[in-house]
Amino acid sequence: MVLTRRNSGDQWTKFEATTLLNAIRHAPVLHPERPYVLQLGERAASLFELGPGTRYERAGVNRLLYCGTALANLFLAMRVLGWRSTIELAGDGTAPDLVATVKAVSPAPATDRETLLHRQIERMPPYWAEPAEWVPDSAAVAKLVASNWCPGTELRLLSDRAAAMETARLVLHAGRRMDGDRWCADELAPWLEPQQTTPVAQVAAQLGPLATMSAEPYADAVCSIAARLVADPVLVVTTSGDSPRDHVLAGAAIQNARLAASAFGLAVRPVTRLIKLDEVREGLARQLGKGVHPHALLRIGGLPTAV
């Protein structure tokens, strides 16, 4: 990642520039190189995507999700520097590689919540860290859902058992189709590996008749995955549109959920690779309803004791 400055009148102090840059450096990414660069202008900070030609492909969408995680961090950094800020998303075509610009509008102190979330940027476990086991807390999950501030996005709790069965089929399908994809394997491992915990076993037994009635070809595996989806809270990150702007906002919602969870003493593990498959994404969309587009599943758990 390269930090560029357009002219000597940017008005950013060295401390301010360092704060903004550090926020971007700690944004999660699973690529060898970060898919964006940061450019500071006069009381503004802009994210530009590297390689925007692929943004309408599934791989390009994943890149925009990561740009969105950086945008969430950048906005919080601007707020803790004492600026009331606005986010302007690209979309007019004048700068094809521009993702978004965060502008400092007027002096305004950050709220306690914004300060707390910004503090989590450098304290959170890595993006790929596996959450620890925890006793699901519906109040904590509700707080996490309510913490989402990204317009046009929503965090939906996957709790319906029929929906869990269909999602389990999609997870199993993705695991078989993307065999050899290391990142996908890491994301799906907790659902695909055999587990015999009491809550999961109990739910799996209750789901068994559903699989039998539908002549499920991999009934045991599907029931096992569905049981985990029901036993442990899973959120779906959705948007009302499916444009590049929506993909960026979905990424910001993912990162905000990670920050908020960390502030609550929890951990969120995003699952995004399976949505690389169009049939998986379309299957999730059918469950969510017309005009709703899924971008990630969020697994919730306790903070890892070690990474």
C-alpha atoms as a PDB file:
ATOM      1  CA  MET A   1       0.000   0.000   0.000  1.00  0.00           C
ATOM      2  CA  VAL A   2       1.298   3.457  -0.889  1.00  0.00           C
ATOM      3  CA  LEU A   3       0.306   6.718   0.761  1.00  0.00           C
ATOM      4  CA  THR A   4       0.285   9.598  -1.736  1.00  0.00           C
ATOM      5  CA  ARG A   5      -0.276  13.299  -1.231  1.00  0.00           C
ATOM      6  CA  ARG A   6      -1.433  15.597  -3.995  1.00  0.00           C
ATOM      7  CA  ASN A   7       0.184  18.871  -2.918  1.00  0.00           C
ATOM      8  CA  SER A   8       1.867  20.646  -0.037  1.00  0.00           C
ATOM      9  CA  GLY A   9      -1.400  22.238   1.111  1.00  0.00           C
ATOM     10  CA  ASP A  10      -2.977  19.040   2.374  1.00  0.00           C
ATOM     11  CA  GLN A  11      -3.062  20.503   5.909  1.00  0.00           C
ATOM     12  CA  TRP A  12      -2.584  17.124   7.568  1.00  0.00           C
ATOM     13  CA  THR A  13      -0.066  17.013  10.394  1.00  0.00           C
ATOM     14  CA  LYS A  14       2.366  14.120  10.595  1.00  0.00           C
ATOM     15  CA  PHE A  15       0.413  12.684  13.544  1.00  0.00           C
ATOM     16  CA  GLU A  16      -2.886  12.886  11.641  1.00  0.00           C
ATOM     17  CA  ALA A  17      -1.429  11.307   8.511  1.00  0.00           C
ATOM     18  CA  THR A  18       0.105   8.518  10.595  1.00  0.00           C
ATOM     19  CA  THR A  19      -3.212   7.872  12.358  1.00  0.00           C
ATOM     20  CA  LEU A  20      -5.055   7.559   9.040  1.00  0.00           C
ATOM     21  CA  LEU A  21      -2.364   5.367   7.535  1.00  0.00           C
ATOM     22  CA  ASN A  22      -2.258   3.040  10.558  1.00  0.00           C
ATOM     23  CA  ALA A  23      -6.011   2.538  10.312  1.00  0.00           C
ATOM     24  CA  ILE A  24      -5.587   1.337   6.728  1.00  0.00           C
ATOM     25  CA  ARG A  25      -2.608  -0.838   7.570  1.00  0.00           C
ATOM     26  CA  HIS A  26      -4.672  -2.747  10.135  1.00  0.00           C
ATOM     27  CA  ALA A  27      -7.612  -3.396   7.820  1.00  0.00           C
ATOM     28  CA  PRO A  28      -8.025  -7.144   7.199  1.00  0.00           C
ATOM     29  CA  VAL A  29      -7.058  -8.629   3.852  1.00  0.00           C
ATOM     30  CA  LEU A  30      -6.314 -12.147   2.615  1.00  0.00           C
ATOM     31  CA  HIS A  31      -4.393 -11.180  -0.510  1.00  0.00           C
ATOM     32  CA  PRO A  32      -0.601 -11.001  -0.884  1.00  0.00           C
ATOM     33  CA  GLU A  33      -1.014  -7.289  -1.629  1.00  0.00           C
ATOM     34  CA  ARG A  34      -3.653  -4.890  -0.409  1.00  0.00           C
ATOM     35  CA  PRO A  35      -6.128  -4.061  -3.208  1.00  0.00           C
ATOM     36  CA  TYR A  36      -6.147  -0.313  -2.526  1.00  0.00           C
ATOM     37  CA  VAL A  37      -4.041   2.784  -1.987  1.00  0.00           C
ATOM     38  CA  LEU A  38      -4.740   5.794   0.214  1.00  0.00           C
ATOM     39  CA  GLN A  39      -4.441   9.346  -1.048  1.00  0.00           C
ATOM     40  CA  LEU A  40      -4.637  12.361   1.249  1.00  0.00           C
ATOM     41  CA  GLY A  41      -6.084  15.584  -0.081  1.00  0.00           C
ATOM     42  CA  GLU A  42      -7.123  18.817   1.584  1.00  0.00           C
ATOM     43  CA  ARG A  43      -9.020  17.600   4.658  1.00  0.00           C
ATOM     44  CA  ALA A  44      -9.964  14.448   2.766  1.00  0.00           C
ATOM     45  CA  ALA A  45      -8.723  10.878   2.483  1.00  0.00           C
ATOM     46  CA  SER A  46      -9.536   8.783  -0.584  1.00  0.00           C
ATOM     47  CA  LEU A  47      -9.291   5.061  -1.236  1.00  0.00           C
ATOM     48  CA  PHE A  48      -8.413   3.977  -4.764  1.00  0.00           C
ATOM     49  CA  GLU A  49      -8.750   0.372  -5.879  1.00  0.00           C
ATOM     50  CA  LEU A  50      -5.854  -1.399  -7.540  1.00  0.00           C
ATOM     51  CA  GLY A  51      -6.968  -3.400 -10.558  1.00  0.00           C
ATOM     52  CA  PRO A  52     -10.564  -2.093 -10.823  1.00  0.00           C
ATOM     53  CA  GLY A  53     -11.087  -3.906 -14.125  1.00  0.00           C
ATOM     54  CA  THR A  54     -12.218  -7.059 -12.273  1.00  0.00           C
ATOM     55  CA  ARG A  55     -14.733  -5.424  -9.946  1.00  0.00           C
ATOM     56  CA  TYR A  56     -17.772  -6.977 -11.654  1.00  0.00           C
ATOM     57  CA  GLU A  57     -16.357 -10.485 -11.348  1.00  0.00           C
ATOM     58  CA  ARG A  58     -16.650 -12.504  -8.143  1.00  0.00           C
ATOM     59  CA  ALA A  59     -12.944 -12.026  -7.418  1.00  0.00           C
ATOM     60  CA  GLY A  60     -13.391  -8.297  -7.979  1.00  0.00           C
ATOM     61  CA  VAL A  61     -16.305  -8.219  -5.548  1.00  0.00           C
ATOM     62  CA  ASN A  62     -14.088  -9.759  -2.868  1.00  0.00           C
ATOM     63  CA  ARG A  63     -11.532  -7.022  -3.500  1.00  0.00           C
ATOM     64  CA  LEU A  64     -14.237  -4.398  -2.974  1.00  0.00           C
ATOM     65  CA  LEU A  65     -15.231  -6.064   0.296  1.00  0.00           C
ATOM     66  CA  TYR A  66     -11.676  -5.568   1.509  1.00  0.00           C
ATOM     67  CA  CYS A  67     -11.772  -1.950   0.335  1.00  0.00           C
ATOM     68  CA  GLY A  68     -14.879  -1.613   2.494  1.00  0.00           C
ATOM     69  CA  THR A  69     -13.115  -2.970   5.580  1.00  0.00           C
ATOM     70  CA  ALA A  70     -10.430  -0.316   5.065  1.00  0.00           C
ATOM     71  CA  LEU A  71     -13.116   2.355   4.646  1.00  0.00           C
ATOM     72  CA  ALA A  72     -14.668   1.479   8.032  1.00  0.00           C
ATOM     73  CA  ASN A  73     -11.274   1.881   9.716  1.00  0.00           C
ATOM     74  CA  LEU A  74     -10.546   5.107   7.859  1.00  0.00           C
ATOM     75  CA  PHE A  75     -13.841   6.679   8.929  1.00  0.00           C
ATOM     76  CA  LEU A  76     -13.209   5.852  12.594  1.00  0.00           C
ATOM     77  CA  ALA A  77      -9.677   7.251  12.366  1.00  0.00           C
ATOM     78  CA  MET A  78     -11.033  10.517  10.963  1.00  0.00           C
ATOM     79  CA  ARG A  79     -13.540  10.721  13.824  1.00  0.00           C
ATOM     80  CA  VAL A  80     -10.976  10.156  16.597  1.00  0.00           C
ATOM     81  CA  LEU A  81      -8.889  12.938  15.059  1.00  0.00           C
ATOM     82  CA  GLY A  82     -11.789  15.211  15.999  1.00  0.00           C
ATOM     83  CA  TRP A  83     -13.592  15.705  12.697  1.00  0.00           C
ATOM     84  CA  ARG A  84     -17.258  15.361  11.834  1.00  0.00           C
ATOM     85  CA  SER A  85     -16.886  13.317   8.691  1.00  0.00           C
ATOM     86  CA  THR A  86     -18.841  12.259   5.643  1.00  0.00           C
ATOM     87  CA  ILE A  87     -18.324   9.301   3.331  1.00  0.00           C
ATOM     88  CA  GLU A  88     -18.723   9.882  -0.393  1.00  0.00           C
ATOM     89  CA  LEU A  89     -18.878   6.665  -2.372  1.00  0.00           C
ATOM     90  CA  ALA A  90     -17.685   6.630  -5.964  1.00  0.00           C
ATOM     91  CA  GLY A  91     -20.147   6.012  -8.736  1.00  0.00           C
ATOM     92  CA  ASP A  92     -20.231   8.903 -11.191  1.00  0.00           C
ATOM     93  CA  GLY A  93     -17.551   7.347 -13.422  1.00  0.00           C
ATOM     94  CA  THR A  94     -15.201  10.349 -13.355  1.00  0.00           C
ATOM     95  CA  ALA A  95     -12.544   8.313 -11.518  1.00  0.00           C
ATOM     96  CA  PRO A  96     -13.067   4.600 -12.306  1.00  0.00           C
ATOM     97  CA  ASP A  97     -10.592   3.425  -9.671  1.00  0.00           C
ATOM     98  CA  LEU A  98     -11.925   5.647  -6.860  1.00  0.00           C
ATOM     99  CA  VAL A  99     -13.685   3.652  -4.135  1.00  0.00           C
ATOM    100  CA  ALA A 100     -14.666   6.313  -1.605  1.00  0.00           C
ATOM    101  CA  THR A 101     -13.593   9.558   0.007  1.00  0.00           C
ATOM    102  CA  VAL A 102     -13.867  10.406   3.694  1.00  0.00           C
ATOM    103  CA  LYS A 103     -14.087  14.173   4.154  1.00  0.00           C
ATOM    104  CA  ALA A 104     -13.443  16.162   7.320  1.00  0.00           C
ATOM    105  CA  VAL A 105     -16.352  18.614   7.461  1.00  0.00           C
ATOM    106  CA  SER A 106     -15.976  20.434  10.772  1.00  0.00           C
ATOM    107  CA  PRO A 107     -14.355  19.920  14.190  1.00  0.00           C
ATOM    108  CA  ALA A 108     -16.348  17.580  16.439  1.00  0.00           C
ATOM    109  CA  PRO A 109     -15.139  15.247  19.190  1.00  0.00           C
ATOM    110  CA  ALA A 110     -15.546  11.525  18.701  1.00  0.00           C
ATOM    111  CA  THR A 111     -18.163   9.748  20.781  1.00  0.00           C
ATOM    112  CA  ASP A 112     -17.124   7.260  23.455  1.00  0.00           C
ATOM    113  CA  ARG A 113     -18.358   4.445  21.209  1.00  0.00           C
ATOM    114  CA  GLU A 114     -16.315   5.641  18.230  1.00  0.00           C
ATOM    115  CA  THR A 115     -13.228   5.948  20.402  1.00  0.00           C
ATOM    116  CA  LEU A 116     -13.780   2.428  21.740  1.00  0.00           C
ATOM    117  CA  LEU A 117     -14.232   0.962  18.266  1.00  0.00           C
ATOM    118  CA  HIS A 118     -11.141   2.762  16.952  1.00  0.00           C
ATOM    119  CA  ARG A 119      -9.143   1.348  19.852  1.00  0.00           C
ATOM    120  CA  GLN A 120     -10.099  -2.168  18.720  1.00  0.00           C
ATOM    121  CA  ILE A 121      -8.509  -1.705  15.272  1.00  0.00           C
ATOM    122  CA  GLU A 122      -5.050  -2.648  16.519  1.00  0.00           C
ATOM    123  CA  ARG A 123      -6.251  -4.981  19.285  1.00  0.00           C
ATOM    124  CA  MET A 124      -8.415  -7.418  17.356  1.00  0.00           C
ATOM    125  CA  PRO A 125      -7.308 -10.966  16.517  1.00  0.00           C
ATOM    126  CA  PRO A 126      -6.333 -11.514  12.867  1.00  0.00           C
ATOM    127  CA  TYR A 127      -9.090 -11.835  10.286  1.00  0.00           C
ATOM    128  CA  TRP A 128      -8.552 -15.603  10.056  1.00  0.00           C
ATOM    129  CA  ALA A 129      -8.372 -16.279  13.817  1.00  0.00           C
ATOM    130  CA  GLU A 130     -10.796 -18.938  14.961  1.00  0.00           C
ATOM    131  CA  PRO A 131     -13.280 -17.722  17.627  1.00  0.00           C
ATOM    132  CA  ALA A 132     -13.198 -19.536  20.928  1.00  0.00           C
ATOM    133  CA  GLU A 133     -16.154 -21.553  22.213  1.00  0.00           C
ATOM    134  CA  TRP A 134     -18.744 -19.517  24.081  1.00  0.00           C
ATOM    135  CA  VAL A 135     -22.225 -19.788  25.501  1.00  0.00           C
ATOM    136  CA  PRO A 136     -24.447 -17.998  22.944  1.00  0.00           C
ATOM    137  CA  ASP A 137     -25.970 -14.823  24.361  1.00  0.00           C
ATOM    138  CA  SER A 138     -28.996 -13.489  22.485  1.00  0.00           C
ATOM    139  CA  ALA A 139     -28.621 -10.035  24.080  1.00  0.00           C
ATOM    140  CA  ALA A 140     -25.009  -9.768  22.884  1.00  0.00           C
ATOM    141  CA  VAL A 141     -26.023 -10.862  19.388  1.00  0.00           C
ATOM    142  CA  ALA A 142     -28.819  -8.276  19.352  1.00  0.00           C
ATOM    143  CA  LYS A 143     -26.328  -5.553  20.363  1.00  0.00           C
ATOM    144  CA  LEU A 144     -24.024  -6.662  17.571  1.00  0.00           C
ATOM    145  CA  VAL A 145     -26.824  -6.489  15.011  1.00  0.00           C
ATOM    146  CA  ALA A 146     -27.862  -3.043  16.261  1.00  0.00           C
ATOM    147  CA  SER A 147     -24.281  -1.734  16.024  1.00  0.00           C
ATOM    148  CA  ASN A 148     -24.315  -1.749  12.227  1.00  0.00           C
ATOM    149  CA  TRP A 149     -24.168   1.830  10.889  1.00  0.00           C
ATOM    150  CA  CYS A 150     -23.550   1.155   7.181  1.00  0.00           C
ATOM    151  CA  PRO A 151     -26.429   2.457   4.999  1.00  0.00           C
ATOM    152  CA  GLY A 152     -28.099  -0.064   2.725  1.00  0.00           C
ATOM    153  CA  THR A 153     -26.703  -3.019   4.682  1.00  0.00           C
ATOM    154  CA  GLU A 154     -28.201  -5.357   7.245  1.00  0.00           C
ATOM    155  CA  LEU A 155     -27.017  -8.095   9.580  1.00  0.00           C
ATOM    156  CA  ARG A 156     -29.545 -10.926   9.635  1.00  0.00           C
ATOM    157  CA  LEU A 157     -29.520 -13.717  12.171  1.00  0.00           C
ATOM    158  CA  LEU A 158     -29.697 -17.166  10.609  1.00  0.00           C
ATOM    159  CA  SER A 159     -31.940 -18.950  13.075  1.00  0.00           C
ATOM    160  CA  ASP A 160     -34.697 -20.684  11.106  1.00  0.00           C
ATOM    161  CA  ARG A 161     -34.059 -24.430  10.982  1.00  0.00           C
ATOM    162  CA  ALA A 162     -35.298 -24.864   7.425  1.00  0.00           C
ATOM    163  CA  ALA A 163     -32.990 -22.030   6.331  1.00  0.00           C
ATOM    164  CA  ALA A 164     -30.149 -23.671   8.259  1.00  0.00           C
ATOM    165  CA  MET A 165     -30.719 -26.931   6.361  1.00  0.00           C
ATOM    166  CA  GLU A 166     -30.549 -25.165   3.002  1.00  0.00           C
ATOM    167  CA  THR A 167     -27.484 -23.169   4.051  1.00  0.00           C
ATOM    168  CA  ALA A 168     -25.843 -26.409   5.218  1.00  0.00           C
ATOM    169  CA  ARG A 169     -26.372 -27.889   1.757  1.00  0.00           C
ATOM    170  CA  LEU A 170     -24.726 -24.839   0.222  1.00  0.00           C
ATOM    171  CA  VAL A 171     -21.795 -25.003   2.653  1.00  0.00           C
ATOM    172  CA  LEU A 172     -21.260 -28.682   1.870  1.00  0.00           C
ATOM    173  CA  HIS A 173     -21.505 -27.953  -1.862  1.00  0.00           C
ATOM    174  CA  ALA A 174     -18.949 -25.148  -1.581  1.00  0.00           C
ATOM    175  CA  GLY A 175     -16.577 -27.354   0.388  1.00  0.00           C
ATOM    176  CA  ARG A 176     -16.746 -30.037  -2.307  1.00  0.00           C
ATOM    177  CA  ARG A 177     -16.547 -27.623  -5.251  1.00  0.00           C
ATOM    178  CA  MET A 178     -13.682 -25.568  -3.822  1.00  0.00           C
ATOM    179  CA  ASP A 179     -11.617 -28.477  -2.572  1.00  0.00           C
ATOM    180  CA  GLY A 180      -8.007 -27.278  -2.713  1.00  0.00           C
ATOM    181  CA  ASP A 181      -8.846 -23.632  -1.965  1.00  0.00           C
ATOM    182  CA  ARG A 182      -6.910 -23.100   1.272  1.00  0.00           C
ATOM    183  CA  TRP A 183      -8.822 -20.011   2.404  1.00  0.00           C
ATOM    184  CA  CYS A 184     -12.182 -21.635   1.752  1.00  0.00           C
ATOM    185  CA  ALA A 185     -11.083 -24.748   3.639  1.00  0.00           C
ATOM    186  CA  ASP A 186     -10.028 -22.651   6.636  1.00  0.00           C
ATOM    187  CA  GLU A 187     -13.314 -20.755   6.671  1.00  0.00           C
ATOM    188  CA  LEU A 188     -15.486 -23.852   6.428  1.00  0.00           C
ATOM    189  CA  ALA A 189     -13.426 -26.242   8.578  1.00  0.00           C
ATOM    190  CA  PRO A 190     -15.418 -25.711  11.810  1.00  0.00           C
ATOM    191  CA  TRP A 191     -18.603 -26.670   9.965  1.00  0.00           C
ATOM    192  CA  LEU A 192     -17.165 -29.563   7.969  1.00  0.00           C
ATOM    193  CA  GLU A 193     -15.084 -31.300  10.633  1.00  0.00           C
ATOM    194  CA  PRO A 194     -16.903 -33.877  12.817  1.00  0.00           C
ATOM    195  CA  GLN A 195     -17.916 -32.575  16.233  1.00  0.00           C
ATOM    196  CA  GLN A 196     -19.799 -34.394  18.944  1.00  0.00           C
ATOM    197  CA  THR A 197     -20.691 -31.585  21.345  1.00  0.00           C
ATOM    198  CA  THR A 198     -23.981 -32.157  23.158  1.00  0.00           C
ATOM    199  CA  PRO A 199     -25.920 -29.149  21.780  1.00  0.00           C
ATOM    200  CA  VAL A 200     -24.894 -29.953  18.202  1.00  0.00           C
ATOM    201  CA  ALA A 201     -25.750 -33.635  18.596  1.00  0.00           C
ATOM    202  CA  GLN A 202     -29.170 -32.779  20.014  1.00  0.00           C
ATOM    203  CA  VAL A 203     -30.016 -30.360  17.206  1.00  0.00           C
ATOM    204  CA  ALA A 204     -28.672 -32.753  14.563  1.00  0.00           C
ATOM    205  CA  ALA A 205     -31.002 -35.448  15.852  1.00  0.00           C
ATOM    206  CA  GLN A 206     -33.954 -33.082  15.539  1.00  0.00           C
ATOM    207  CA  LEU A 207     -32.951 -32.127  12.000  1.00  0.00           C
ATOM    208  CA  GLY A 208     -32.513 -35.721  10.892  1.00  0.00           C
ATOM    209  CA  PRO A 209     -36.173 -36.289   9.931  1.00  0.00           C
ATOM    210  CA  LEU A 210     -36.077 -33.205   7.684  1.00  0.00           C
ATOM    211  CA  ALA A 211     -33.173 -34.660   5.727  1.00  0.00           C
ATOM    212  CA  THR A 212     -34.819 -38.079   5.501  1.00  0.00           C
ATOM    213  CA  MET A 213     -38.071 -36.623   4.175  1.00  0.00           C
ATOM    214  CA  SER A 214     -36.227 -34.745   1.429  1.00  0.00           C
ATOM    215  CA  ALA A 215     -34.063 -37.752   0.452  1.00  0.00           C
ATOM    216  CA  GLU A 216     -30.936 -35.793   1.297  1.00  0.00           C
ATOM    217  CA  PRO A 217     -27.942 -37.441  -0.488  1.00  0.00           C
ATOM    218  CA  TYR A 218     -25.506 -36.493   2.298  1.00  0.00           C
ATOM    219  CA  ALA A 219     -27.981 -36.443   5.165  1.00  0.00           C
ATOM    220  CA  ASP A 220     -25.536 -36.945   8.037  1.00  0.00           C
ATOM    221  CA  ALA A 221     -23.141 -34.256   6.820  1.00  0.00           C
ATOM    222  CA  VAL A 222     -25.927 -31.770   6.095  1.00  0.00           C
ATOM    223  CA  CYS A 223     -27.568 -32.331   9.492  1.00  0.00           C
ATOM    224  CA  SER A 224     -24.224 -31.935  11.249  1.00  0.00           C
ATOM    225  CA  ILE A 225     -23.504 -28.617   9.519  1.00  0.00           C
ATOM    226  CA  ALA A 226     -27.072 -27.372  10.022  1.00  0.00           C
ATOM    227  CA  ALA A 227     -26.860 -28.247  13.716  1.00  0.00           C
ATOM    228  CA  ARG A 228     -23.810 -26.010  14.114  1.00  0.00           C
ATOM    229  CA  LEU A 229     -25.544 -23.204  12.233  1.00  0.00           C
ATOM    230  CA  VAL A 230     -28.451 -23.436  14.672  1.00  0.00           C
ATOM    231  CA  ALA A 231     -26.448 -24.041  17.857  1.00  0.00           C
ATOM    232  CA  ASP A 232     -24.043 -21.123  17.323  1.00  0.00           C
ATOM    233  CA  PRO A 233     -25.269 -17.719  16.088  1.00  0.00           C
ATOM    234  CA  VAL A 234     -24.471 -16.937  12.456  1.00  0.00           C
ATOM    235  CA  LEU A 235     -25.191 -13.566  10.870  1.00  0.00           C
ATOM    236  CA  VAL A 236     -25.648 -12.925   7.158  1.00  0.00           C
ATOM    237  CA  VAL A 237     -24.343  -9.606   5.792  1.00  0.00           C
ATOM    238  CA  THR A 238     -26.776  -8.375   3.142  1.00  0.00           C
ATOM    239  CA  THR A 239     -27.352  -5.324   0.973  1.00  0.00           C
ATOM    240  CA  SER A 240     -30.437  -4.037  -0.811  1.00  0.00           C
ATOM    241  CA  GLY A 241     -28.477  -3.553  -4.050  1.00  0.00           C
ATOM    242  CA  ASP A 242     -25.693  -5.370  -5.853  1.00  0.00           C
ATOM    243  CA  SER A 243     -23.559  -2.590  -7.314  1.00  0.00           C
ATOM    244  CA  PRO A 244     -19.866  -1.909  -6.557  1.00  0.00           C
ATOM    245  CA  ARG A 245     -21.045   0.690  -4.011  1.00  0.00           C
ATOM    246  CA  ASP A 246     -23.042  -2.024  -2.219  1.00  0.00           C
ATOM    247  CA  HIS A 247     -20.035  -4.347  -2.173  1.00  0.00           C
ATOM    248  CA  VAL A 248     -17.923  -1.649  -0.522  1.00  0.00           C
ATOM    249  CA  LEU A 249     -20.623  -0.970   2.070  1.00  0.00           C
ATOM    250  CA  ALA A 250     -20.916  -4.696   2.779  1.00  0.00           C
ATOM    251  CA  GLY A 251     -17.189  -4.781   3.491  1.00  0.00           C
ATOM    252  CA  ALA A 252     -17.570  -1.836   5.859  1.00  0.00           C
ATOM    253  CA  ALA A 253     -20.416  -3.666   7.628  1.00  0.00           C
ATOM    254  CA  ILE A 254     -18.213  -6.762   8.026  1.00  0.00           C
ATOM    255  CA  GLN A 255     -15.407  -4.747   9.581  1.00  0.00           C
ATOM    256  CA  ASN A 256     -17.738  -2.781  11.830  1.00  0.00           C
ATOM    257  CA  ALA A 257     -19.197  -6.069  13.091  1.00  0.00           C
ATOM    258  CA  ARG A 258     -15.681  -7.319  13.864  1.00  0.00           C
ATOM    259  CA  LEU A 259     -14.825  -4.119  15.742  1.00  0.00           C
ATOM    260  CA  ALA A 260     -18.099  -4.072  17.663  1.00  0.00           C
ATOM    261  CA  ALA A 261     -17.792  -7.741  18.585  1.00  0.00           C
ATOM    262  CA  SER A 262     -14.277  -7.154  19.898  1.00  0.00           C
ATOM    263  CA  ALA A 263     -15.558  -4.274  22.020  1.00  0.00           C
ATOM    264  CA  PHE A 264     -18.194  -6.661  23.462  1.00  0.00           C
ATOM    265  CA  GLY A 265     -15.552  -9.273  24.277  1.00  0.00           C
ATOM    266  CA  LEU A 266     -16.503 -11.454  21.300  1.00  0.00           C
ATOM    267  CA  ALA A 267     -14.908 -12.420  17.995  1.00  0.00           C
ATOM    268  CA  VAL A 268     -16.388 -12.561  14.500  1.00  0.00           C
ATOM    269  CA  ARG A 269     -14.976 -14.777  11.767  1.00  0.00           C
ATOM    270  CA  PRO A 270     -16.189 -13.708   8.301  1.00  0.00           C
ATOM    271  CA  VAL A 271     -16.938 -16.453   5.778  1.00  0.00           C
ATOM    272  CA  THR A 272     -16.797 -14.970   2.285  1.00  0.00           C
ATOM    273  CA  ARG A 273     -15.041 -17.441   0.015  1.00  0.00           C
ATOM    274  CA  LEU A 274     -18.030 -19.737  -0.462  1.00  0.00           C
ATOM    275  CA  ILE A 275     -19.956 -16.812  -2.026  1.00  0.00           C
ATOM    276  CA  LYS A 276     -17.353 -16.856  -4.790  1.00  0.00           C
ATOM    277  CA  LEU A 277     -19.595 -19.571  -6.248  1.00  0.00           C
ATOM    278  CA  ASP A 278     -22.591 -18.018  -8.001  1.00  0.00           C
ATOM    279  CA  GLU A 279     -24.845 -20.956  -7.203  1.00  0.00           C
ATOM    280  CA  VAL A 280     -24.101 -20.583  -3.489  1.00  0.00           C
ATOM    281  CA  ARG A 281     -24.791 -16.872  -3.512  1.00  0.00           C
ATOM    282  CA  GLU A 282     -27.997 -17.385  -5.477  1.00  0.00           C
ATOM    283  CA  GLY A 283     -29.096 -20.113  -3.060  1.00  0.00           C
ATOM    284  CA  LEU A 284     -28.584 -17.815  -0.072  1.00  0.00           C
ATOM    285  CA  ALA A 285     -30.405 -15.002  -1.875  1.00  0.00           C
ATOM    286  CA  ARG A 286     -33.470 -17.196  -2.449  1.00  0.00           C
ATOM    287  CA  GLN A 287     -33.744 -17.776   1.290  1.00  0.00           C
ATOM    288  CA  LEU A 288     -33.439 -14.093   2.131  1.00  0.00           C
ATOM    289  CA  GLY A 289     -36.113 -12.853  -0.254  1.00  0.00           C
ATOM    290  CA  LYS A 290     -36.373 -10.761  -3.372  1.00  0.00           C
ATOM    291  CA  GLY A 291     -34.041  -7.772  -3.591  1.00  0.00           C
ATOM    292  CA  VAL A 292     -31.685  -8.980  -0.838  1.00  0.00           C
ATOM    293  CA  HIS A 293     -28.076  -9.778  -1.731  1.00  0.00           C
ATOM    294  CA  PRO A 294     -25.777 -11.789   0.608  1.00  0.00           C
ATOM    295  CA  HIS A 295     -22.062 -11.045   0.876  1.00  0.00           C
ATOM    296  CA  ALA A 296     -20.774 -12.955   3.893  1.00  0.00           C
ATOM    297  CA  LEU A 297     -21.640 -15.169   6.824  1.00  0.00           C
ATOM    298  CA  LEU A 298     -20.353 -14.080  10.222  1.00  0.00           C
ATOM    299  CA  ARG A 299     -19.536 -16.753  12.768  1.00  0.00           C
ATOM    300  CA  ILE A 300     -19.631 -15.462  16.360  1.00  0.00           C
ATOM    301  CA  GLY A 301     -17.667 -16.777  19.296  1.00  0.00           C
ATOM    302  CA  GLY A 302     -15.428 -15.824  22.172  1.00  0.00           C
ATOM    303  CA  LEU A 303     -12.133 -13.975  21.793  1.00  0.00           C
ATOM    304  CA  PRO A 304      -9.283 -16.385  20.987  1.00  0.00           C
ATOM    305  CA  THR A 305      -6.867 -16.850  23.864  1.00  0.00           C
ATOM    306  CA  ALA A 306      -3.944 -17.179  21.454  1.00  0.00           C
ATOM    307  CA  VAL A 307      -3.384 -16.813  17.703  1.00  0.00           C
END
